[in-house]
Amino acid sequence: AREHVAALGRCGLAPGEIDTVVLGCTH
């Protein structure tokens, strides 16, 4: 989980950051 989340890049509310994440597997 740590590896895959880190691979997304910067997350947050600032411009250029990911603010929404889709969980595309029911697990």
PDB file of all heavy atoms in Angstrom:
ATOM      1  N   ALA A   1       0.839  -1.200   0.000  1.00  0.00           N
ATOM      2  CA  ALA A   1       0.000   0.000   0.000  1.00  0.00           C
ATOM      3  C   ALA A   1       0.874   1.250   0.000  1.00  0.00           C
ATOM      4  O   ALA A   1       0.626   2.209  -0.749  1.00  0.00           O
ATOM      5  CB  ALA A   1      -0.933  -0.013   1.206  1.00  0.00           C
ATOM      6  N   ARG A   2       1.915   1.236   0.805  1.00  0.00           N
ATOM      7  CA  ARG A   2       2.833   2.383   0.871  1.00  0.00           C
ATOM      8  C   ARG A   2       3.515   2.598  -0.488  1.00  0.00           C
ATOM      9  O   ARG A   2       3.628   3.728  -0.974  1.00  0.00           O
ATOM     10  CB  ARG A   2       3.867   2.142   1.965  1.00  0.00           C
ATOM     11  CG  ARG A   2       4.732   3.357   2.287  1.00  0.00           C
ATOM     12  CD  ARG A   2       5.695   3.062   3.427  1.00  0.00           C
ATOM     13  NE  ARG A   2       4.981   2.668   4.645  1.00  0.00           N
ATOM     14  CZ  ARG A   2       5.001   1.441   5.164  1.00  0.00           C
ATOM     15  NH1 ARG A   2       5.717   0.475   4.574  1.00  0.00           N
ATOM     16  NH2 ARG A   2       4.339   1.175   6.264  1.00  0.00           N
ATOM     17  N   GLU A   3       3.956   1.508  -1.098  1.00  0.00           N
ATOM     18  CA  GLU A   3       4.651   1.602  -2.393  1.00  0.00           C
ATOM     19  C   GLU A   3       3.733   2.162  -3.475  1.00  0.00           C
ATOM     20  O   GLU A   3       4.122   3.065  -4.234  1.00  0.00           O
ATOM     21  CB  GLU A   3       5.141   0.207  -2.800  1.00  0.00           C
ATOM     22  CG  GLU A   3       5.723   0.123  -4.198  1.00  0.00           C
ATOM     23  CD  GLU A   3       5.989  -1.310  -4.634  1.00  0.00           C
ATOM     24  OE1 GLU A   3       6.132  -2.193  -3.755  1.00  0.00           O
ATOM     25  OE2 GLU A   3       6.048  -1.553  -5.851  1.00  0.00           O
ATOM     26  N   HIS A   4       2.512   1.636  -3.553  1.00  0.00           N
ATOM     27  CA  HIS A   4       1.622   2.042  -4.642  1.00  0.00           C
ATOM     28  C   HIS A   4       1.085   3.457  -4.440  1.00  0.00           C
ATOM     29  O   HIS A   4       0.930   4.203  -5.417  1.00  0.00           O
ATOM     30  CB  HIS A   4       0.482   1.030  -4.773  1.00  0.00           C
ATOM     31  CG  HIS A   4       0.941  -0.322  -5.211  1.00  0.00           C
ATOM     32  ND1 HIS A   4       1.774  -0.522  -6.294  1.00  0.00           N
ATOM     33  CD2 HIS A   4       0.689  -1.566  -4.711  1.00  0.00           C
ATOM     34  CE1 HIS A   4       2.018  -1.817  -6.447  1.00  0.00           C
ATOM     35  NE2 HIS A   4       1.361  -2.471  -5.494  1.00  0.00           N
ATOM     36  N   VAL A   5       0.795   3.833  -3.211  1.00  0.00           N
ATOM     37  CA  VAL A   5       0.340   5.203  -2.959  1.00  0.00           C
ATOM     38  C   VAL A   5       1.459   6.193  -3.270  1.00  0.00           C
ATOM     39  O   VAL A   5       1.235   7.241  -3.886  1.00  0.00           O
ATOM     40  CB  VAL A   5      -0.158   5.353  -1.508  1.00  0.00           C
ATOM     41  CG1 VAL A   5      -0.312   6.825  -1.136  1.00  0.00           C
ATOM     42  CG2 VAL A   5      -1.489   4.624  -1.328  1.00  0.00           C
ATOM     43  N   ALA A   6       2.678   5.872  -2.862  1.00  0.00           N
ATOM     44  CA  ALA A   6       3.804   6.761  -3.138  1.00  0.00           C
ATOM     45  C   ALA A   6       4.004   6.962  -4.636  1.00  0.00           C
ATOM     46  O   ALA A   6       4.387   8.054  -5.091  1.00  0.00           O
ATOM     47  CB  ALA A   6       5.072   6.201  -2.495  1.00  0.00           C
ATOM     48  N   ALA A   7       3.729   5.902  -5.419  1.00  0.00           N
ATOM     49  CA  ALA A   7       3.934   5.982  -6.862  1.00  0.00           C
ATOM     50  C   ALA A   7       2.963   6.946  -7.544  1.00  0.00           C
ATOM     51  O   ALA A   7       3.217   7.389  -8.672  1.00  0.00           O
ATOM     52  CB  ALA A   7       3.806   4.592  -7.478  1.00  0.00           C
ATOM     53  N   LEU A   8       1.851   7.269  -6.880  1.00  0.00           N
ATOM     54  CA  LEU A   8       0.905   8.219  -7.471  1.00  0.00           C
ATOM     55  C   LEU A   8       1.499   9.625  -7.556  1.00  0.00           C
ATOM     56  O   LEU A   8       1.126  10.412  -8.414  1.00  0.00           O
ATOM     57  CB  LEU A   8      -0.386   8.275  -6.641  1.00  0.00           C
ATOM     58  CG  LEU A   8      -1.299   7.053  -6.684  1.00  0.00           C
ATOM     59  CD1 LEU A   8      -2.472   7.255  -5.729  1.00  0.00           C
ATOM     60  CD2 LEU A   8      -1.805   6.788  -8.099  1.00  0.00           C
ATOM     61  N   GLY A   9       2.379   9.957  -6.634  1.00  0.00           N
ATOM     62  CA  GLY A   9       2.926  11.303  -6.582  1.00  0.00           C
ATOM     63  C   GLY A   9       2.283  12.121  -5.479  1.00  0.00           C
ATOM     64  O   GLY A   9       1.660  11.583  -4.567  1.00  0.00           O
ATOM     65  N   ARG A  10       2.423  13.429  -5.560  1.00  0.00           N
ATOM     66  CA  ARG A  10       1.954  14.314  -4.489  1.00  0.00           C
ATOM     67  C   ARG A  10       0.426  14.334  -4.417  1.00  0.00           C
ATOM     68  O   ARG A  10      -0.258  14.464  -5.439  1.00  0.00           O
ATOM     69  CB  ARG A  10       2.478  15.737  -4.706  1.00  0.00           C
ATOM     70  CG  ARG A  10       3.992  15.859  -4.547  1.00  0.00           C
ATOM     71  CD  ARG A  10       4.465  17.300  -4.645  1.00  0.00           C
ATOM     72  NE  ARG A  10       4.116  17.875  -5.941  1.00  0.00           N
ATOM     73  CZ  ARG A  10       3.361  18.966  -6.104  1.00  0.00           C
ATOM     74  NH1 ARG A  10       2.863  19.585  -5.061  1.00  0.00           N
ATOM     75  NH2 ARG A  10       3.129  19.426  -7.316  1.00  0.00           N
ATOM     76  N   CYS A  11      -0.070  14.205  -3.186  1.00  0.00           N
ATOM     77  CA  CYS A  11      -1.517  14.202  -2.955  1.00  0.00           C
ATOM     78  C   CYS A  11      -1.872  15.323  -1.990  1.00  0.00           C
ATOM     79  O   CYS A  11      -1.154  15.584  -1.020  1.00  0.00           O
ATOM     80  CB  CYS A  11      -1.964  12.862  -2.369  1.00  0.00           C
ATOM     81  SG  CYS A  11      -1.742  11.458  -3.480  1.00  0.00           S
ATOM     82  N   GLY A  12      -2.975  15.977  -2.253  1.00  0.00           N
ATOM     83  CA  GLY A  12      -3.426  17.068  -1.400  1.00  0.00           C
ATOM     84  C   GLY A  12      -4.330  18.000  -2.173  1.00  0.00           C
ATOM     85  O   GLY A  12      -4.865  17.631  -3.230  1.00  0.00           O
ATOM     86  N   LEU A  13      -4.509  19.214  -1.687  1.00  0.00           N
ATOM     87  CA  LEU A  13      -5.446  20.163  -2.278  1.00  0.00           C
ATOM     88  C   LEU A  13      -4.772  21.271  -3.076  1.00  0.00           C
ATOM     89  O   LEU A  13      -5.452  22.107  -3.678  1.00  0.00           O
ATOM     90  CB  LEU A  13      -6.304  20.794  -1.175  1.00  0.00           C
ATOM     91  CG  LEU A  13      -7.151  19.810  -0.350  1.00  0.00           C
ATOM     92  CD1 LEU A  13      -7.918  20.561   0.736  1.00  0.00           C
ATOM     93  CD2 LEU A  13      -8.112  19.029  -1.244  1.00  0.00           C
ATOM     94  N   ALA A  14      -3.448  21.280  -3.098  1.00  0.00           N
ATOM     95  CA  ALA A  14      -2.732  22.324  -3.828  1.00  0.00           C
ATOM     96  C   ALA A  14      -2.795  22.052  -5.334  1.00  0.00           C
ATOM     97  O   ALA A  14      -2.966  20.913  -5.765  1.00  0.00           O
ATOM     98  CB  ALA A  14      -1.279  22.391  -3.366  1.00  0.00           C
ATOM     99  N   PRO A  15      -2.666  23.090  -6.148  1.00  0.00           N
ATOM    100  CA  PRO A  15      -2.655  22.886  -7.600  1.00  0.00           C
ATOM    101  C   PRO A  15      -1.586  21.870  -8.013  1.00  0.00           C
ATOM    102  O   PRO A  15      -0.465  21.891  -7.510  1.00  0.00           O
ATOM    103  CB  PRO A  15      -2.322  24.286  -8.136  1.00  0.00           C
ATOM    104  CG  PRO A  15      -2.825  25.219  -7.087  1.00  0.00           C
ATOM    105  CD  PRO A  15      -2.571  24.519  -5.784  1.00  0.00           C
ATOM    106  N   GLY A  16      -1.976  20.966  -8.898  1.00  0.00           N
ATOM    107  CA  GLY A  16      -1.062  19.931  -9.362  1.00  0.00           C
ATOM    108  C   GLY A  16      -1.026  18.695  -8.501  1.00  0.00           C
ATOM    109  O   GLY A  16      -0.386  17.700  -8.863  1.00  0.00           O
ATOM    110  N   GLU A  17      -1.703  18.708  -7.340  1.00  0.00           N
ATOM    111  CA  GLU A  17      -1.732  17.545  -6.458  1.00  0.00           C
ATOM    112  C   GLU A  17      -2.989  16.714  -6.707  1.00  0.00           C
ATOM    113  O   GLU A  17      -4.028  17.233  -7.137  1.00  0.00           O
ATOM    114  CB  GLU A  17      -1.676  17.981  -4.986  1.00  0.00           C
ATOM    115  CG  GLU A  17      -0.351  18.603  -4.594  1.00  0.00           C
ATOM    116  CD  GLU A  17      -0.286  18.955  -3.118  1.00  0.00           C
ATOM    117  OE1 GLU A  17      -1.355  19.168  -2.498  1.00  0.00           O
ATOM    118  OE2 GLU A  17       0.838  19.037  -2.582  1.00  0.00           O
ATOM    119  N   ILE A  18      -2.894  15.429  -6.423  1.00  0.00           N
ATOM    120  CA  ILE A  18      -4.044  14.519  -6.530  1.00  0.00           C
ATOM    121  C   ILE A  18      -4.930  14.722  -5.302  1.00  0.00           C
ATOM    122  O   ILE A  18      -4.480  14.533  -4.175  1.00  0.00           O
ATOM    123  CB  ILE A  18      -3.571  13.060  -6.617  1.00  0.00           C
ATOM    124  CG1 ILE A  18      -2.844  12.807  -7.937  1.00  0.00           C
ATOM    125  CG2 ILE A  18      -4.740  12.095  -6.451  1.00  0.00           C
ATOM    126  CD1 ILE A  18      -2.147  11.460  -8.005  1.00  0.00           C
ATOM    127  N   ASP A  19      -6.174  15.108  -5.532  1.00  0.00           N
ATOM    128  CA  ASP A  19      -7.079  15.303  -4.397  1.00  0.00           C
ATOM    129  C   ASP A  19      -8.179  14.246  -4.328  1.00  0.00           C
ATOM    130  O   ASP A  19      -8.974  14.229  -3.390  1.00  0.00           O
ATOM    131  CB  ASP A  19      -7.707  16.700  -4.428  1.00  0.00           C
ATOM    132  CG  ASP A  19      -8.737  16.870  -5.534  1.00  0.00           C
ATOM    133  OD1 ASP A  19      -8.739  16.058  -6.492  1.00  0.00           O
ATOM    134  OD2 ASP A  19      -9.548  17.812  -5.437  1.00  0.00           O
ATOM    135  N   THR A  20      -8.213  13.348  -5.317  1.00  0.00           N
ATOM    136  CA  THR A  20      -9.240  12.304  -5.378  1.00  0.00           C
ATOM    137  C   THR A  20      -8.586  11.030  -5.889  1.00  0.00           C
ATOM    138  O   THR A  20      -7.833  11.073  -6.865  1.00  0.00           O
ATOM    139  CB  THR A  20     -10.389  12.706  -6.316  1.00  0.00           C
ATOM    140  OG1 THR A  20     -10.902  13.993  -5.917  1.00  0.00           O
ATOM    141  CG2 THR A  20     -11.516  11.693  -6.279  1.00  0.00           C
ATOM    142  N   VAL A  21      -8.884   9.910  -5.228  1.00  0.00           N
ATOM    143  CA  VAL A  21      -8.311   8.623  -5.638  1.00  0.00           C
ATOM    144  C   VAL A  21      -9.435   7.607  -5.817  1.00  0.00           C
ATOM    145  O   VAL A  21     -10.286   7.422  -4.935  1.00  0.00           O
ATOM    146  CB  VAL A  21      -7.290   8.109  -4.599  1.00  0.00           C
ATOM    147  CG1 VAL A  21      -6.864   6.674  -4.915  1.00  0.00           C
ATOM    148  CG2 VAL A  21      -6.072   9.019  -4.568  1.00  0.00           C
ATOM    149  N   VAL A  22      -9.438   6.959  -6.976  1.00  0.00           N
ATOM    150  CA  VAL A  22     -10.403   5.916  -7.297  1.00  0.00           C
ATOM    151  C   VAL A  22      -9.854   4.569  -6.846  1.00  0.00           C
ATOM    152  O   VAL A  22      -8.718   4.216  -7.179  1.00  0.00           O
ATOM    153  CB  VAL A  22     -10.680   5.882  -8.813  1.00  0.00           C
ATOM    154  CG1 VAL A  22     -11.608   4.717  -9.166  1.00  0.00           C
ATOM    155  CG2 VAL A  22     -11.266   7.203  -9.280  1.00  0.00           C
ATOM    156  N   LEU A  23     -10.658   3.822  -6.099  1.00  0.00           N
ATOM    157  CA  LEU A  23     -10.305   2.459  -5.714  1.00  0.00           C
ATOM    158  C   LEU A  23     -10.907   1.526  -6.755  1.00  0.00           C
ATOM    159  O   LEU A  23     -12.090   1.206  -6.718  1.00  0.00           O
ATOM    160  CB  LEU A  23     -10.818   2.146  -4.312  1.00  0.00           C
ATOM    161  CG  LEU A  23     -10.342   3.098  -3.205  1.00  0.00           C
ATOM    162  CD1 LEU A  23     -10.846   2.638  -1.843  1.00  0.00           C
ATOM    163  CD2 LEU A  23      -8.829   3.227  -3.203  1.00  0.00           C
ATOM    164  N   GLY A  24     -10.070   1.086  -7.700  1.00  0.00           N
ATOM    165  CA  GLY A  24     -10.546   0.335  -8.848  1.00  0.00           C
ATOM    166  C   GLY A  24     -10.485  -1.169  -8.692  1.00  0.00           C
ATOM    167  O   GLY A  24     -10.473  -1.897  -9.683  1.00  0.00           O
ATOM    168  N   CYS A  25     -10.453  -1.650  -7.464  1.00  0.00           N
ATOM    169  CA  CYS A  25     -10.497  -3.086  -7.168  1.00  0.00           C
ATOM    170  C   CYS A  25     -11.314  -3.247  -5.892  1.00  0.00           C
ATOM    171  O   CYS A  25     -11.116  -2.485  -4.932  1.00  0.00           O
ATOM    172  CB  CYS A  25      -9.094  -3.646  -6.988  1.00  0.00           C
ATOM    173  SG  CYS A  25      -9.037  -5.360  -6.370  1.00  0.00           S
ATOM    174  N   THR A  26     -12.208  -4.225  -5.865  1.00  0.00           N
ATOM    175  CA  THR A  26     -13.089  -4.366  -4.701  1.00  0.00           C
ATOM    176  C   THR A  26     -12.340  -4.804  -3.450  1.00  0.00           C
ATOM    177  O   THR A  26     -12.877  -4.686  -2.343  1.00  0.00           O
ATOM    178  CB  THR A  26     -14.226  -5.361  -4.988  1.00  0.00           C
ATOM    179  OG1 THR A  26     -13.680  -6.623  -5.422  1.00  0.00           O
ATOM    180  CG2 THR A  26     -15.159  -4.815  -6.062  1.00  0.00           C
ATOM    181  N   HIS A  27     -11.127  -5.293  -3.579  1.00  0.00           N
ATOM    182  CA  HIS A  27     -10.336  -5.617  -2.390  1.00  0.00           C
ATOM    183  C   HIS A  27      -9.906  -4.352  -1.640  1.00  0.00           C
ATOM    184  O   HIS A  27      -9.784  -4.371  -0.415  1.00  0.00           O
ATOM    185  CB  HIS A  27      -9.076  -6.410  -2.773  1.00  0.00           C
ATOM    186  CG  HIS A  27      -9.311  -7.866  -3.036  1.00  0.00           C
ATOM    187  ND1 HIS A  27      -9.948  -8.323  -4.162  1.00  0.00           N
ATOM    188  CD2 HIS A  27      -8.980  -8.972  -2.311  1.00  0.00           C
ATOM    189  CE1 HIS A  27      -9.992  -9.639  -4.127  1.00  0.00           C
ATOM    190  NE2 HIS A  27      -9.418 -10.056  -3.015  1.00  0.00           N
TER     191      HIS A  27
END
